[in-house]
């Protein structure tokens, strides 16, 4: 149980600061858990008749009785606000009690208001601290939370103090049922929303984390990859449709370099750097994280670039490859998989997994080098992509097998 805030009320006057009439203003010092604020209660008194020890006027005359009765009423008002705040679970501070007594409206921060203000700041920092895609994810998360509040609470917004464990579990249930999100997708939207919680806690608008007992770790998902045999099949397949040829070649180039779709689409000649030994490199920054990627090109990747070096689209747009939209790319990849007899869900992101597994790790490229080429901030991120095929394990164990 949380420790209850301790309240202390002290009425006093300052004889050093008298009014022009010679009287002193009666003040109240409100102290809650060691923090104090002061307020004038709107009454004045002859300083000679005041007792700071008593916290009131000395004497039994009518004026003294009236003022002491008023002081008792002010004290009772503050105690009533204190009990009311305790019952309602509101944040009790000296300032909130003072505001309540003065009738000052509290500036209630609203959940969606905080979220929107955060997103607006992210938008202004696109290209500096955030990528466009990051802002879009926050905006999508905001839309989901807005729909959840509307459906569950029947209001357009909620005070941030309404955030509790029930809100956290309810949001997860809403995302998985009403929005038909998978577990990991729902977890990512909730992770974005937790930014609002951190902002609210940092500003003291809420005292506890409503997600403290809500655990939703990401589930491991095997997105798959292409084997060397499947890569060769894809590379050598005669495809008569031009648009499918473009997509096939761009996909293969991503498999040979590990580039994500957004980074592949923006490649230009300025990203090509010739190394000291004549090796051609790609130097670029990841759109998603702004991390540097330095990737040496294997001959198969260079062959694809040569094929499109004089392509009209590439010349006009100053890009290295003709790349369709991500939506069209993934749709056409399904056609290509069917033509090639590859029973896997080909997507643009599958190329990064193929690069990490088939092209590099299973050809003895150290994971540290793979991580750098993929533009990851840590090797732990690379381990998500990393898989070791049985033949790699067998080769690694061959010396041990011979010994025993």
Protein backbone atom coordinates (compact mmCIF):
# COMPACT_ATOMS: atom_id res chain seq x y z
CA UNK A 1 0.00 0.00 0.00
CA UNK A 2 1.29 3.47 -0.94
CA UNK A 3 2.28 5.73 1.96
CA UNK A 4 -0.45 8.28 2.67
CA UNK A 5 0.50 11.94 2.13
CA UNK A 6 0.79 13.79 5.47
CA UNK A 7 -1.06 17.12 5.72
CA UNK A 8 -0.18 19.98 8.06
CA UNK A 9 -2.00 23.35 8.23
CA UNK A 10 -0.54 26.41 9.97
CA UNK A 11 -2.20 29.84 10.18
CA UNK A 12 0.14 32.80 10.77
CA UNK A 13 0.75 36.49 10.19
CA UNK A 14 3.91 38.44 9.32
CA UNK A 15 4.28 41.43 11.59
CA UNK A 16 7.09 42.69 9.38
CA UNK A 17 4.68 43.09 6.45
CA UNK A 18 1.74 45.14 7.72
CA UNK A 19 -0.91 46.70 5.54
CA UNK A 20 -1.40 50.50 5.32
CA UNK A 21 -4.20 50.14 7.86
CA UNK A 22 -1.71 48.72 10.35
CA UNK A 23 -3.35 45.29 10.19
CA UNK A 24 -1.70 42.05 9.10
CA UNK A 25 -2.97 39.58 6.49
CA UNK A 26 -3.85 36.14 7.88
CA UNK A 27 -2.05 33.45 5.88
CA UNK A 28 -2.17 29.67 5.75
CA UNK A 29 0.85 27.46 5.13
CA UNK A 30 -0.23 24.12 3.60
CA UNK A 31 2.36 21.36 3.91
CA UNK A 32 1.99 17.94 2.31
CA UNK A 33 4.78 15.39 2.74
CA UNK A 34 7.32 18.12 3.45
CA UNK A 35 6.42 20.45 0.54
CA UNK A 36 4.63 23.72 1.30
CA UNK A 37 2.66 26.50 -0.37
CA UNK A 38 1.06 29.56 1.22
CA UNK A 39 -2.24 31.30 0.65
CA UNK A 40 -3.88 34.42 2.13
CA UNK A 41 -7.30 33.49 3.52
CA UNK A 42 -8.78 36.95 2.87
CA UNK A 43 -8.93 38.20 6.45
CA UNK A 44 -6.91 40.85 8.26
CA UNK A 45 -6.21 41.20 11.97
CA UNK A 46 -4.69 43.56 14.53
CA UNK A 47 -1.20 42.06 15.01
CA UNK A 48 -1.37 42.66 18.78
CA UNK A 49 -4.35 40.31 19.10
CA UNK A 50 -2.83 37.46 17.07
CA UNK A 51 -1.14 34.35 18.47
CA UNK A 52 1.00 32.35 16.01
CA UNK A 53 1.20 29.55 18.61
CA UNK A 54 -2.58 29.31 18.75
CA UNK A 55 -3.04 30.00 15.05
CA UNK A 56 -5.85 32.43 15.84
CA UNK A 57 -7.01 35.59 17.59
CA UNK A 58 -6.75 36.02 21.37
CA UNK A 59 -9.87 37.14 23.18
CA UNK A 60 -13.60 36.45 23.48
CA UNK A 61 -15.01 39.53 21.80
CA UNK A 62 -17.29 39.25 18.79
CA UNK A 63 -14.59 40.07 16.22
CA UNK A 64 -12.26 37.43 17.65
CA UNK A 65 -14.96 34.77 17.66
CA UNK A 66 -15.98 35.53 14.06
CA UNK A 67 -12.38 35.35 12.79
CA UNK A 68 -11.55 32.18 14.75
CA UNK A 69 -14.74 30.54 13.45
CA UNK A 70 -13.73 31.43 9.90
CA UNK A 71 -10.25 29.97 10.45
CA UNK A 72 -11.83 26.75 11.76
CA UNK A 73 -14.02 26.63 8.64
CA UNK A 74 -11.01 27.08 6.33
CA UNK A 75 -9.24 24.27 8.19
CA UNK A 76 -12.33 22.06 7.80
CA UNK A 77 -12.48 22.84 4.06
CA UNK A 78 -8.91 21.72 3.55
CA UNK A 79 -9.46 18.53 5.53
CA UNK A 80 -12.55 17.80 3.40
CA UNK A 81 -10.55 18.25 0.18
CA UNK A 82 -7.80 16.04 1.60
CA UNK A 83 -10.27 13.24 2.42
CA UNK A 84 -12.01 13.63 -0.94
CA UNK A 85 -8.74 13.43 -2.87
CA UNK A 86 -7.71 10.37 -0.85
CA UNK A 87 -11.02 8.63 -1.57
CA UNK A 88 -10.87 9.40 -5.30
CA UNK A 89 -7.22 8.39 -5.56
CA UNK A 90 -6.19 11.84 -6.80
CA UNK A 91 -2.68 13.21 -6.48
CA UNK A 92 -2.50 15.06 -3.14
CA UNK A 93 -0.06 17.97 -3.05
CA UNK A 94 -0.06 21.29 -1.25
CA UNK A 95 -0.68 23.00 -4.59
CA UNK A 96 -3.66 20.80 -5.60
CA UNK A 97 -5.30 21.42 -2.20
CA UNK A 98 -4.71 25.15 -2.54
CA UNK A 99 -6.16 25.16 -6.07
CA UNK A 100 -9.21 23.24 -4.89
CA UNK A 101 -9.86 25.71 -2.05
CA UNK A 102 -9.39 28.71 -4.39
CA UNK A 103 -11.65 27.11 -6.99
CA UNK A 104 -8.87 27.04 -9.59
CA UNK A 105 -9.57 24.48 -12.31
CA UNK A 106 -6.90 21.83 -12.63
CA UNK A 107 -5.25 21.58 -16.05
CA UNK A 108 -6.13 17.94 -16.65
CA UNK A 109 -3.80 16.42 -19.18
CA UNK A 110 -5.61 14.14 -21.61
CA UNK A 111 -4.24 10.88 -23.03
CA UNK A 112 -4.79 11.58 -26.73
CA UNK A 113 -3.72 15.20 -26.26
CA UNK A 114 -0.34 14.08 -24.91
CA UNK A 115 0.02 11.47 -27.66
CA UNK A 116 -0.77 14.02 -30.40
CA UNK A 117 1.65 16.57 -28.96
CA UNK A 118 4.36 13.89 -28.93
CA UNK A 119 3.62 12.91 -32.54
CA UNK A 120 3.71 16.55 -33.66
CA UNK A 121 7.18 16.89 -32.14
CA UNK A 122 8.34 13.70 -33.86
CA UNK A 123 7.06 15.07 -37.18
CA UNK A 124 9.14 18.23 -36.79
CA UNK A 125 12.24 16.09 -36.14
CA UNK A 126 11.88 13.87 -39.22
CA UNK A 127 15.26 13.72 -40.93
CA UNK A 128 17.03 14.79 -37.72
CA UNK A 129 16.13 12.39 -34.93
CA UNK A 130 13.37 10.32 -36.55
CA UNK A 131 12.52 8.69 -39.87
CA UNK A 132 9.24 9.26 -41.72
CA UNK A 133 8.26 5.65 -41.05
CA UNK A 134 8.69 6.15 -37.29
CA UNK A 135 6.26 9.07 -37.31
CA UNK A 136 3.79 7.03 -39.33
CA UNK A 137 3.93 4.18 -36.80
CA UNK A 138 3.20 6.60 -33.96
CA UNK A 139 0.27 8.05 -35.91
CA UNK A 140 -1.15 4.57 -36.54
CA UNK A 141 -0.78 3.73 -32.84
CA UNK A 142 -2.61 6.97 -31.96
CA UNK A 143 -5.52 6.01 -34.24
CA UNK A 144 -5.83 2.62 -32.54
CA UNK A 145 -5.79 4.13 -29.04
CA UNK A 146 -8.36 6.75 -30.10
CA UNK A 147 -10.67 4.01 -31.41
CA UNK A 148 -10.18 1.98 -28.21
CA UNK A 149 -11.11 4.90 -25.92
CA UNK A 150 -14.16 5.68 -28.06
CA UNK A 151 -15.40 2.08 -27.98
CA UNK A 152 -14.65 1.18 -24.35
CA UNK A 153 -15.20 4.47 -22.53
CA UNK A 154 -17.71 6.14 -24.92
CA UNK A 155 -15.75 9.44 -24.85
CA UNK A 156 -13.41 11.24 -27.22
CA UNK A 157 -10.53 11.41 -24.73
CA UNK A 158 -9.64 10.51 -21.14
CA UNK A 159 -7.66 12.26 -18.39
CA UNK A 160 -4.21 10.72 -18.12
CA UNK A 161 -5.06 9.74 -14.52
CA UNK A 162 -7.49 7.18 -16.00
CA UNK A 163 -4.53 5.06 -17.12
CA UNK A 164 -4.52 1.88 -15.06
CA UNK A 165 -3.94 -1.84 -15.41
CA UNK A 166 -7.45 -2.30 -16.77
CA UNK A 167 -6.67 0.21 -19.57
CA UNK A 168 -3.48 -1.70 -20.44
CA UNK A 169 -5.13 -5.12 -20.67
CA UNK A 170 -8.16 -3.66 -22.42
CA UNK A 171 -6.00 -2.05 -25.11
CA UNK A 172 -4.25 -5.35 -25.81
CA UNK A 173 -7.60 -7.18 -26.09
CA UNK A 174 -8.98 -4.46 -28.40
CA UNK A 175 -5.98 -4.62 -30.74
CA UNK A 176 -6.15 -8.41 -31.01
CA UNK A 177 -9.92 -8.62 -31.47
CA UNK A 178 -11.34 -5.41 -32.95
CA UNK A 179 -8.22 -4.59 -34.97
CA UNK A 180 -7.29 -8.24 -35.69
CA UNK A 181 -3.61 -7.61 -34.86
CA UNK A 182 -1.23 -10.49 -34.28
CA UNK A 183 0.54 -10.72 -30.93
CA UNK A 184 3.75 -9.03 -32.09
CA UNK A 185 1.93 -6.31 -34.00
CA UNK A 186 -0.21 -5.51 -30.94
CA UNK A 187 2.92 -5.50 -28.76
CA UNK A 188 4.59 -2.95 -31.05
CA UNK A 189 1.56 -0.62 -30.99
CA UNK A 190 1.48 -0.84 -27.18
CA UNK A 191 5.22 -0.16 -27.07
CA UNK A 192 4.59 3.06 -29.04
CA UNK A 193 1.77 4.02 -26.67
CA UNK A 194 4.02 3.51 -23.64
CA UNK A 195 5.84 6.67 -24.74
CA UNK A 196 2.76 8.56 -23.47
CA UNK A 197 3.05 6.77 -20.12
CA UNK A 198 6.73 7.70 -19.80
CA UNK A 199 5.97 11.35 -20.62
CA UNK A 200 3.14 11.42 -18.05
CA UNK A 201 5.29 9.87 -15.33
CA UNK A 202 8.25 12.15 -16.06
CA UNK A 203 5.99 15.20 -15.65
CA UNK A 204 4.37 13.89 -12.48
CA UNK A 205 0.89 13.63 -14.07
CA UNK A 206 0.66 10.01 -12.95
CA UNK A 207 2.57 8.34 -10.13
CA UNK A 208 2.65 4.69 -11.22
CA UNK A 209 3.12 2.81 -14.47
CA UNK A 210 -0.18 1.18 -15.57
CA UNK A 211 1.83 -1.30 -17.64
CA UNK A 212 4.07 -2.34 -14.71
CA UNK A 213 2.32 -5.72 -14.37
CA UNK A 214 1.42 -6.06 -18.04
CA UNK A 215 4.00 -8.22 -19.75
CA UNK A 216 3.84 -8.64 -23.50
CA UNK A 217 7.20 -9.84 -24.87
CA UNK A 218 7.60 -10.31 -28.60
CA UNK A 219 7.21 -13.89 -29.78
CA UNK A 220 9.94 -15.32 -31.91
CA UNK A 221 8.86 -15.51 -35.54
CA UNK A 222 10.80 -17.42 -38.18
CA UNK A 223 10.39 -15.33 -41.32
CA UNK A 224 12.34 -17.82 -43.43
CA UNK A 225 15.05 -17.35 -46.04
CA UNK A 226 16.08 -18.71 -49.42
CA UNK A 227 18.61 -21.51 -49.75
CA UNK A 228 21.49 -21.37 -52.23
CA UNK A 229 19.56 -23.73 -54.53
CA UNK A 230 16.49 -21.49 -54.44
CA UNK A 231 18.62 -18.42 -55.12
CA UNK A 232 20.12 -20.10 -58.20
CA UNK A 233 16.68 -21.19 -59.36
CA UNK A 234 15.42 -17.63 -59.02
CA UNK A 235 18.52 -16.21 -60.73
CA UNK A 236 18.44 -18.53 -63.76
CA UNK A 237 14.68 -18.62 -64.33
CA UNK A 238 13.58 -17.20 -67.70
CA UNK A 239 10.79 -14.76 -66.96
CA UNK A 240 9.10 -13.25 -70.02
CA UNK A 241 7.25 -10.48 -68.16
CA UNK A 242 9.30 -7.28 -67.89
CA UNK A 243 7.83 -6.03 -64.59
CA UNK A 244 8.53 -9.39 -62.95
CA UNK A 245 12.11 -9.30 -64.25
CA UNK A 246 12.63 -5.92 -62.60
CA UNK A 247 11.26 -7.14 -59.28
CA UNK A 248 13.24 -10.42 -59.45
CA UNK A 249 16.51 -8.59 -60.06
CA UNK A 250 15.92 -6.00 -57.34
CA UNK A 251 15.01 -8.78 -54.91
CA UNK A 252 18.17 -10.73 -55.79
CA UNK A 253 20.27 -7.60 -55.32
CA UNK A 254 18.74 -7.19 -51.85
CA UNK A 255 19.58 -10.85 -51.10
CA UNK A 256 23.21 -10.21 -52.10
CA UNK A 257 23.52 -6.98 -50.10
CA UNK A 258 21.05 -7.22 -47.18
CA UNK A 259 19.51 -3.85 -48.02
CA UNK A 260 15.98 -3.15 -46.81
CA UNK A 261 13.37 -2.06 -49.36
CA UNK A 262 13.50 1.65 -48.40
CA UNK A 263 17.31 1.69 -48.73
CA UNK A 264 17.28 -0.25 -51.99
CA UNK A 265 14.81 2.15 -53.60
CA UNK A 266 16.92 5.27 -52.96
CA UNK A 267 20.32 3.90 -54.08
CA UNK A 268 22.15 6.15 -56.53
CA UNK A 269 25.63 6.29 -58.05
CA UNK A 270 26.85 8.44 -55.19
CA UNK A 271 26.38 5.38 -52.96
CA UNK A 272 28.94 3.41 -55.01
CA UNK A 273 32.48 3.65 -53.64
CA UNK A 274 35.54 1.91 -55.04
CA UNK A 275 37.73 0.41 -52.33
CA UNK A 276 41.53 0.31 -52.16
CA UNK A 277 41.70 -3.12 -53.80
CA UNK A 278 39.29 -2.22 -56.59
CA UNK A 279 36.33 -3.74 -54.74
CA UNK A 280 33.08 -1.89 -55.33
CA UNK A 281 31.23 -0.94 -52.12
CA UNK A 282 27.85 0.50 -51.25
CA UNK A 283 28.00 3.23 -48.60
CA UNK A 284 24.58 4.34 -47.38
CA UNK A 285 22.57 5.19 -44.28
CA UNK A 286 19.59 3.11 -43.25
CA UNK A 287 16.33 4.99 -43.68
CA UNK A 288 14.90 3.36 -40.57
CA UNK A 289 17.71 4.02 -38.08
CA UNK A 290 20.14 6.38 -39.85
CA UNK A 291 22.92 3.85 -39.09
CA UNK A 292 25.79 3.60 -41.58
CA UNK A 293 25.94 0.55 -43.89
CA UNK A 294 29.15 -0.33 -45.78
CA UNK A 295 28.65 -3.36 -48.02
CA UNK A 296 31.19 -4.84 -50.45
CA UNK A 297 29.47 -6.04 -53.62
CA UNK A 298 29.89 -9.65 -54.71
CA UNK A 299 30.06 -10.26 -58.45
CA UNK A 300 26.43 -11.42 -58.69
CA UNK A 301 25.31 -8.06 -57.27
CA UNK A 302 27.63 -6.14 -59.62
CA UNK A 303 26.21 -8.04 -62.60
CA UNK A 304 22.71 -6.78 -61.74
CA UNK A 305 23.93 -3.18 -61.50
CA UNK A 306 25.67 -3.51 -64.87
CA UNK A 307 22.46 -4.83 -66.40
CA UNK A 308 20.58 -1.65 -65.42
CA UNK A 309 23.37 0.90 -65.77
CA UNK A 310 21.80 2.37 -68.94
CA UNK A 311 18.16 1.72 -68.13
CA UNK A 312 16.04 4.81 -68.97
CA UNK A 313 14.27 4.82 -65.59
CA UNK A 314 17.57 4.63 -63.69
CA UNK A 315 19.08 7.45 -65.73
CA UNK A 316 16.01 9.68 -65.39
CA UNK A 317 15.57 9.12 -61.63
CA UNK A 318 19.31 8.88 -60.86
CA UNK A 319 18.92 5.49 -59.18
CA UNK A 320 20.77 2.20 -59.56
CA UNK A 321 17.73 -0.07 -60.00
CA UNK A 322 14.11 0.24 -61.14
CA UNK A 323 12.15 -0.46 -57.94
CA UNK A 324 8.36 -0.59 -57.70
CA UNK A 325 6.38 0.38 -54.60
CA UNK A 326 6.72 -2.01 -51.67
CA UNK A 327 3.11 -3.12 -52.09
CA UNK A 328 3.56 -3.95 -55.78
CA UNK A 329 6.95 -5.53 -55.12
CA UNK A 330 5.50 -7.98 -52.60
CA UNK A 331 2.53 -8.74 -54.86
CA UNK A 332 4.81 -9.45 -57.85
CA UNK A 333 7.13 -11.55 -55.70
CA UNK A 334 4.23 -13.92 -55.09
CA UNK A 335 3.83 -14.35 -58.85
CA UNK A 336 7.56 -14.95 -59.20
CA UNK A 337 7.55 -17.59 -56.44
CA UNK A 338 4.74 -19.40 -58.27
CA UNK A 339 6.62 -19.27 -61.60
CA UNK A 340 9.79 -20.61 -59.99
CA UNK A 341 8.05 -23.30 -57.95
CA UNK A 342 9.34 -21.81 -54.67
CA UNK A 343 6.92 -22.70 -51.90
CA UNK A 344 7.78 -19.75 -49.66
CA UNK A 345 6.21 -16.38 -48.97
CA UNK A 346 8.62 -14.11 -50.83
CA UNK A 347 8.66 -10.57 -49.44
CA UNK A 348 11.12 -7.72 -49.73
CA UNK A 349 12.18 -8.27 -46.11
CA UNK A 350 12.92 -11.95 -46.75
CA UNK A 351 15.95 -10.73 -48.71
CA UNK A 352 17.64 -9.42 -45.54
CA UNK A 353 17.17 -12.79 -43.84
CA UNK A 354 18.61 -14.54 -46.87
CA UNK A 355 21.64 -12.26 -46.87
CA UNK A 356 22.25 -12.82 -43.15
CA UNK A 357 21.81 -16.60 -43.31
CA UNK A 358 22.63 -18.03 -46.74
CA UNK A 359 24.99 -15.43 -48.17
CA UNK A 360 27.09 -14.50 -45.14
CA UNK A 361 26.86 -16.49 -41.89
CA UNK A 362 26.77 -19.86 -43.59
CA UNK A 363 29.80 -18.86 -45.63
CA UNK A 364 31.85 -18.15 -42.50
CA UNK A 365 31.41 -14.38 -42.46
CA UNK A 366 31.65 -13.33 -38.76
CA UNK A 367 28.43 -12.09 -37.20
CA UNK A 368 30.16 -8.82 -36.27
CA UNK A 369 30.74 -8.10 -39.98
CA UNK A 370 27.19 -9.14 -40.86
CA UNK A 371 25.83 -6.81 -38.18
CA UNK A 372 27.81 -3.88 -39.59
CA UNK A 373 26.65 -4.55 -43.15
CA UNK A 374 23.02 -4.82 -42.04
CA UNK A 375 23.35 -1.47 -40.24
CA UNK A 376 22.38 -2.85 -36.84
CA UNK A 377 23.14 -1.00 -33.62
CA UNK A 378 24.06 -4.22 -31.81
CA UNK A 379 24.78 -7.86 -32.57
CA UNK A 380 21.68 -8.83 -30.58
CA UNK A 381 19.59 -7.38 -33.41
CA UNK A 382 21.54 -9.44 -35.95
CA UNK A 383 20.87 -12.64 -34.02
CA UNK A 384 17.19 -12.32 -34.94
CA UNK A 385 18.19 -12.85 -38.58
CA UNK A 386 20.94 -15.37 -37.94
CA UNK A 387 20.39 -19.05 -38.52
CA UNK A 388 22.95 -21.78 -39.07
CA UNK A 389 22.16 -24.44 -41.62
CA UNK A 390 22.87 -28.10 -40.87
CA UNK A 391 25.68 -28.34 -43.42
CA UNK A 392 27.44 -25.38 -41.74
CA UNK A 393 27.18 -27.06 -38.34
CA UNK A 394 28.42 -30.32 -39.87
CA UNK A 395 31.45 -28.61 -41.42
CA UNK A 396 32.24 -26.84 -38.16
CA UNK A 397 32.06 -30.14 -36.28
CA UNK A 398 34.01 -32.19 -38.86
CA UNK A 399 37.35 -31.84 -37.08
CA UNK A 400 35.76 -32.90 -33.79
CA UNK A 401 34.08 -35.85 -35.48
CA UNK A 402 37.43 -37.06 -36.84
CA UNK A 403 39.01 -36.77 -33.41
CA UNK A 404 36.35 -38.86 -31.69
